[in-house]
């Protein structure tokens, strides 16, 4: 059983590749946390993994809430994979502590560098470069698969714990929905942003998206998935472009 959370497809691509190789199903964290999907029960002895991105060197809020819902997994081999663009920060150490708090010892923690989708800072307009970065991750994922098959035990480097409060503070400030804006004449009123928001932070009013919650998960799925590129975040996204993992259909997000 592979649990995953994915904003623009990097973690979903990783989760699907692992699940296809070791056998098992993928379950979307967003549906479970939101109450739309019941918590699946892994089969006895089945490997259980969590795949998710890193945001501002910490775990996405929705991932932490999911871990708080977990029950002990008995003798199952447990692992986690974080996808990241710049560095993993404190995310993997935080993940181990949260799992330990639920009575679960992570046997292994892995990381895979992929396209950094934080388009307020990173330019994503070079689609060939984004594809090269995505393809370069595939052999790393396959090596992780081999270690999972071997039931390897592995840690992952992490920044010192004293950086955790700073990372969390920056993340919480950046996920304030007041940072989003709509280019009205580009919006076609399709509602994809509202339907795909894992935080349920967007609702449609008169065929236009409205952020009715003060904070979201900050996956930027609404921005990257918008067919008219009508959703912006800060001053740079208009020229930095959009990204959806090329091996994932936008309909799957």
Protein backbone atom coordinates (compact mmCIF):
# COMPACT_ATOMS: atom_id res chain seq x y z
CA UNK A 1 0.00 0.00 0.00
CA UNK A 2 1.42 3.34 -1.08
CA UNK A 3 -0.10 6.49 0.40
CA UNK A 4 0.72 9.65 -1.48
CA UNK A 5 0.11 13.36 -1.69
CA UNK A 6 0.94 15.14 -4.93
CA UNK A 7 0.49 18.71 -6.08
CA UNK A 8 1.66 18.67 -9.69
CA UNK A 9 2.34 14.97 -10.23
CA UNK A 10 5.94 14.36 -9.11
CA UNK A 11 4.98 12.37 -6.02
CA UNK A 12 2.16 10.60 -7.85
CA UNK A 13 4.55 9.48 -10.60
CA UNK A 14 6.92 8.17 -7.91
CA UNK A 15 4.18 6.39 -5.96
CA UNK A 16 2.76 4.72 -9.07
CA UNK A 17 6.17 3.50 -10.22
CA UNK A 18 6.90 1.98 -6.82
CA UNK A 19 3.45 0.40 -6.52
CA UNK A 20 3.68 -1.12 -10.00
CA UNK A 21 7.06 -2.64 -9.19
CA UNK A 22 6.38 -4.09 -5.73
CA UNK A 23 2.67 -4.77 -6.13
CA UNK A 24 -0.03 -2.91 -4.27
CA UNK A 25 -2.33 0.05 -4.60
CA UNK A 26 -1.95 3.81 -4.33
CA UNK A 27 -4.19 5.82 -2.01
CA UNK A 28 -4.51 9.61 -2.15
CA UNK A 29 -3.94 11.26 1.23
CA UNK A 30 -6.12 14.24 0.30
CA UNK A 31 -9.25 12.13 0.02
CA UNK A 32 -8.56 10.40 3.33
CA UNK A 33 -7.86 13.59 5.28
CA UNK A 34 -10.86 15.32 3.70
CA UNK A 35 -13.16 12.44 4.66
CA UNK A 36 -14.14 11.53 1.10
CA UNK A 37 -12.18 8.26 1.20
CA UNK A 38 -12.01 5.77 4.08
CA UNK A 39 -8.59 4.85 5.44
CA UNK A 40 -7.49 1.67 3.61
CA UNK A 41 -6.22 -1.26 5.67
CA UNK A 42 -3.00 -2.79 4.33
CA UNK A 43 -2.86 -6.58 4.19
CA UNK A 44 -0.86 -8.28 6.97
CA UNK A 45 2.85 -8.06 6.17
CA UNK A 46 2.28 -5.82 3.15
CA UNK A 47 4.90 -3.08 2.72
CA UNK A 48 3.45 0.33 3.54
CA UNK A 49 4.90 3.51 2.09
CA UNK A 50 4.27 7.23 2.14
CA UNK A 51 5.28 9.42 -0.82
CA UNK A 52 5.00 13.20 -0.62
CA UNK A 53 6.73 16.45 -1.55
CA UNK A 54 8.72 18.84 0.61
CA UNK A 55 7.54 22.46 0.94
CA UNK A 56 9.90 25.07 2.40
CA UNK A 57 12.05 22.31 3.93
CA UNK A 58 9.08 20.90 5.91
CA UNK A 59 6.21 18.49 5.35
CA UNK A 60 2.98 19.78 3.83
CA UNK A 61 0.33 20.39 6.45
CA UNK A 62 -1.99 17.79 4.91
CA UNK A 63 0.71 15.11 5.23
CA UNK A 64 1.20 15.82 8.93
CA UNK A 65 -2.55 15.58 9.48
CA UNK A 66 -2.62 12.26 7.64
CA UNK A 67 0.16 10.80 9.77
CA UNK A 68 -1.78 11.81 12.89
CA UNK A 69 -4.59 9.50 11.67
CA UNK A 70 -2.41 6.38 11.38
CA UNK A 71 -2.57 3.35 13.64
CA UNK A 72 0.33 0.97 14.41
CA UNK A 73 1.14 -1.23 11.40
CA UNK A 74 2.41 -4.33 13.19
CA UNK A 75 5.30 -6.08 11.48
CA UNK A 76 4.88 -4.37 8.10
CA UNK A 77 7.96 -2.96 6.39
CA UNK A 78 7.43 0.79 6.37
CA UNK A 79 9.14 3.39 4.21
CA UNK A 80 8.77 6.95 3.05
CA UNK A 81 9.89 8.79 -0.08
CA UNK A 82 10.04 12.57 -0.28
CA UNK A 83 10.27 14.37 -3.61
CA UNK A 84 12.06 17.70 -3.53
CA UNK A 85 13.38 20.43 -5.78
CA UNK A 86 16.18 22.07 -3.80
CA UNK A 87 16.76 20.15 -0.55
CA UNK A 88 14.81 17.97 1.85
CA UNK A 89 15.43 20.25 4.81
CA UNK A 90 13.93 18.91 8.04
CA UNK A 91 11.11 16.96 6.38
CA UNK A 92 12.47 13.44 6.78
CA UNK A 93 13.49 13.85 10.42
CA UNK A 94 10.10 15.36 11.17
CA UNK A 95 8.44 12.44 9.42
CA UNK A 96 10.28 9.92 11.60
CA UNK A 97 9.22 11.74 14.77
CA UNK A 98 5.58 11.92 13.68
CA UNK A 99 5.50 8.24 12.80
CA UNK A 100 7.14 7.36 16.11
CA UNK A 101 4.40 9.33 17.85
CA UNK A 102 1.87 6.96 16.27
CA UNK A 103 3.81 3.90 17.38
CA UNK A 104 5.31 3.28 13.93
CA UNK A 105 9.02 2.97 13.25
CA UNK A 106 9.96 3.91 9.70
CA UNK A 107 12.38 1.30 8.39
CA UNK A 108 13.66 3.51 5.59
CA UNK A 109 13.42 7.07 4.33
CA UNK A 110 14.39 7.96 0.75
CA UNK A 111 14.48 11.15 -1.30
CA UNK A 112 14.25 11.93 -5.01
CA UNK A 113 15.14 15.25 -6.59
CA UNK A 114 12.61 16.36 -9.20
CA UNK A 115 11.43 19.59 -10.83
CA UNK A 116 10.96 22.36 -8.28
CA UNK A 117 7.43 23.62 -8.96
CA UNK A 118 7.70 26.70 -6.70
CA UNK A 119 7.16 28.94 -9.71
CA UNK A 120 7.21 32.21 -7.70
CA UNK A 121 10.98 31.59 -7.64
CA UNK A 122 11.87 28.97 -10.27
CA UNK A 123 11.43 29.38 -14.01
CA UNK A 124 9.60 26.42 -15.54
CA UNK A 125 9.29 27.68 -19.10
CA UNK A 126 12.05 25.38 -20.43
CA UNK A 127 9.96 22.24 -20.91
CA UNK A 128 12.96 20.27 -22.23
CA UNK A 129 14.93 21.00 -19.06
CA UNK A 130 11.94 20.00 -16.91
CA UNK A 131 11.67 16.73 -18.85
CA UNK A 132 15.38 16.02 -18.39
CA UNK A 133 15.09 16.57 -14.64
CA UNK A 134 12.03 14.31 -14.51
CA UNK A 135 13.69 11.55 -16.55
CA UNK A 136 16.83 11.78 -14.41
CA UNK A 137 14.71 10.88 -11.37
CA UNK A 138 13.56 7.56 -12.85
CA UNK A 139 16.81 5.60 -12.24
CA UNK A 140 16.88 6.93 -8.66
CA UNK A 141 13.31 5.73 -8.11
CA UNK A 142 14.26 2.34 -9.51
CA UNK A 143 17.19 2.10 -7.08
CA UNK A 144 14.78 2.92 -4.27
CA UNK A 145 12.48 0.15 -5.51
CA UNK A 146 15.36 -2.34 -5.29
CA UNK A 147 16.06 -1.26 -1.71
CA UNK A 148 12.39 -1.60 -0.81
CA UNK A 149 12.34 -5.10 -2.27
CA UNK A 150 15.39 -5.95 -0.15
CA UNK A 151 13.66 -4.49 2.94
CA UNK A 152 16.63 -2.18 3.40
CA UNK A 153 16.95 0.13 6.37
CA UNK A 154 18.01 3.62 5.40
CA UNK A 155 18.03 7.13 6.79
CA UNK A 156 18.16 10.46 4.99
CA UNK A 157 20.20 13.58 5.81
CA UNK A 158 18.31 16.35 7.55
CA UNK A 159 18.95 19.87 8.71
CA UNK A 160 19.28 20.31 12.50
CA UNK A 161 16.01 20.39 14.42
CA UNK A 162 16.55 24.01 15.43
CA UNK A 163 15.61 25.00 11.86
CA UNK A 164 12.15 23.40 12.14
CA UNK A 165 10.34 26.39 13.70
CA UNK A 166 11.78 28.72 11.06
CA UNK A 167 10.80 26.45 8.18
CA UNK A 168 7.30 26.03 9.56
CA UNK A 169 6.90 29.77 10.10
CA UNK A 170 7.90 30.56 6.50
CA UNK A 171 5.67 27.80 5.13
CA UNK A 172 2.67 28.96 7.13
CA UNK A 173 3.12 32.56 6.00
CA UNK A 174 3.47 31.57 2.34
CA UNK A 175 0.38 29.37 2.29
CA UNK A 176 -1.85 32.30 3.10
CA UNK A 177 -4.33 32.40 0.22
CA UNK A 178 -4.15 36.19 0.02
CA UNK A 179 -1.05 35.66 -2.13
CA UNK A 180 -3.16 34.23 -4.97
CA UNK A 181 -4.77 36.43 -7.57
CA UNK A 182 -6.91 35.85 -10.63
CA UNK A 183 -6.29 37.24 -14.12
CA UNK A 184 -9.99 37.54 -14.80
CA UNK A 185 -9.94 37.72 -18.59
CA UNK A 186 -7.99 34.44 -18.75
CA UNK A 187 -10.38 32.49 -16.52
CA UNK A 188 -12.82 30.25 -18.43
CA UNK A 189 -14.82 29.31 -15.35
CA UNK A 190 -14.07 25.58 -15.66
CA UNK A 191 -13.82 25.01 -11.89
CA UNK A 192 -10.79 22.69 -12.11
CA UNK A 193 -9.05 24.72 -9.41
CA UNK A 194 -11.91 24.32 -6.95
CA UNK A 195 -12.44 20.63 -7.65
CA UNK A 196 -8.74 19.83 -7.41
CA UNK A 197 -7.83 21.84 -4.31
CA UNK A 198 -6.79 19.29 -1.64
CA UNK A 199 -7.47 21.82 1.11
CA UNK A 200 -10.96 22.69 -0.14
CA UNK A 201 -9.84 26.32 -0.04
CA UNK A 202 -11.46 27.38 -3.33
CA UNK A 203 -15.12 27.70 -4.22
CA UNK A 204 -16.68 28.98 -7.41
CA UNK A 205 -18.71 32.19 -7.25
CA UNK A 206 -20.31 33.43 -10.47
CA UNK A 207 -18.02 31.11 -12.46
CA UNK A 208 -14.91 32.53 -10.85
CA UNK A 209 -12.67 30.97 -8.14
CA UNK A 210 -12.76 32.51 -4.69
CA UNK A 211 -10.33 31.51 -1.92
CA UNK A 212 -12.64 31.25 1.08
CA UNK A 213 -10.06 29.85 3.50
CA UNK A 214 -7.17 31.87 4.89
CA UNK A 215 -4.65 29.11 4.24
CA UNK A 216 -4.22 26.22 1.83
CA UNK A 217 -1.71 23.38 1.45
CA UNK A 218 0.41 25.44 -0.98
CA UNK A 219 0.70 22.68 -3.56
CA UNK A 220 0.08 25.28 -6.34
CA UNK A 221 -2.03 22.68 -8.14
CA UNK A 222 -4.61 25.35 -8.95
CA UNK A 223 -1.98 27.54 -10.61
CA UNK A 224 -0.25 24.80 -12.59
CA UNK A 225 -3.41 22.97 -13.62
CA UNK A 226 -5.35 26.05 -14.80
CA UNK A 227 -5.93 25.73 -18.59
CA UNK A 228 -5.89 29.51 -19.06
CA UNK A 229 -3.00 30.18 -16.63
CA UNK A 230 -5.41 32.57 -14.94
CA UNK A 231 -4.21 31.93 -11.38
CA UNK A 232 -1.07 33.70 -10.24
CA UNK A 233 0.91 33.78 -7.00
CA UNK A 234 3.06 36.83 -6.43
CA UNK A 235 4.72 38.89 -9.17
CA UNK A 236 6.85 36.22 -10.91
CA UNK A 237 4.59 33.33 -11.81
CA UNK A 238 3.29 34.97 -14.99
CA UNK A 239 6.72 34.75 -16.59
CA UNK A 240 7.90 31.57 -14.84
CA UNK A 241 5.19 29.36 -16.31
CA UNK A 242 3.38 26.19 -15.32
CA UNK A 243 4.35 22.56 -14.77
CA UNK A 244 2.49 19.27 -14.60
CA UNK A 245 4.60 16.12 -14.46
CA UNK A 246 4.70 14.88 -18.08
CA UNK A 247 3.99 11.29 -17.03
CA UNK A 248 0.79 12.23 -15.17
CA UNK A 249 -2.53 13.26 -16.68
CA UNK A 250 -3.83 16.51 -15.18
CA UNK A 251 -7.15 14.66 -14.72
CA UNK A 252 -5.43 12.49 -12.11
CA UNK A 253 -4.69 15.46 -9.87
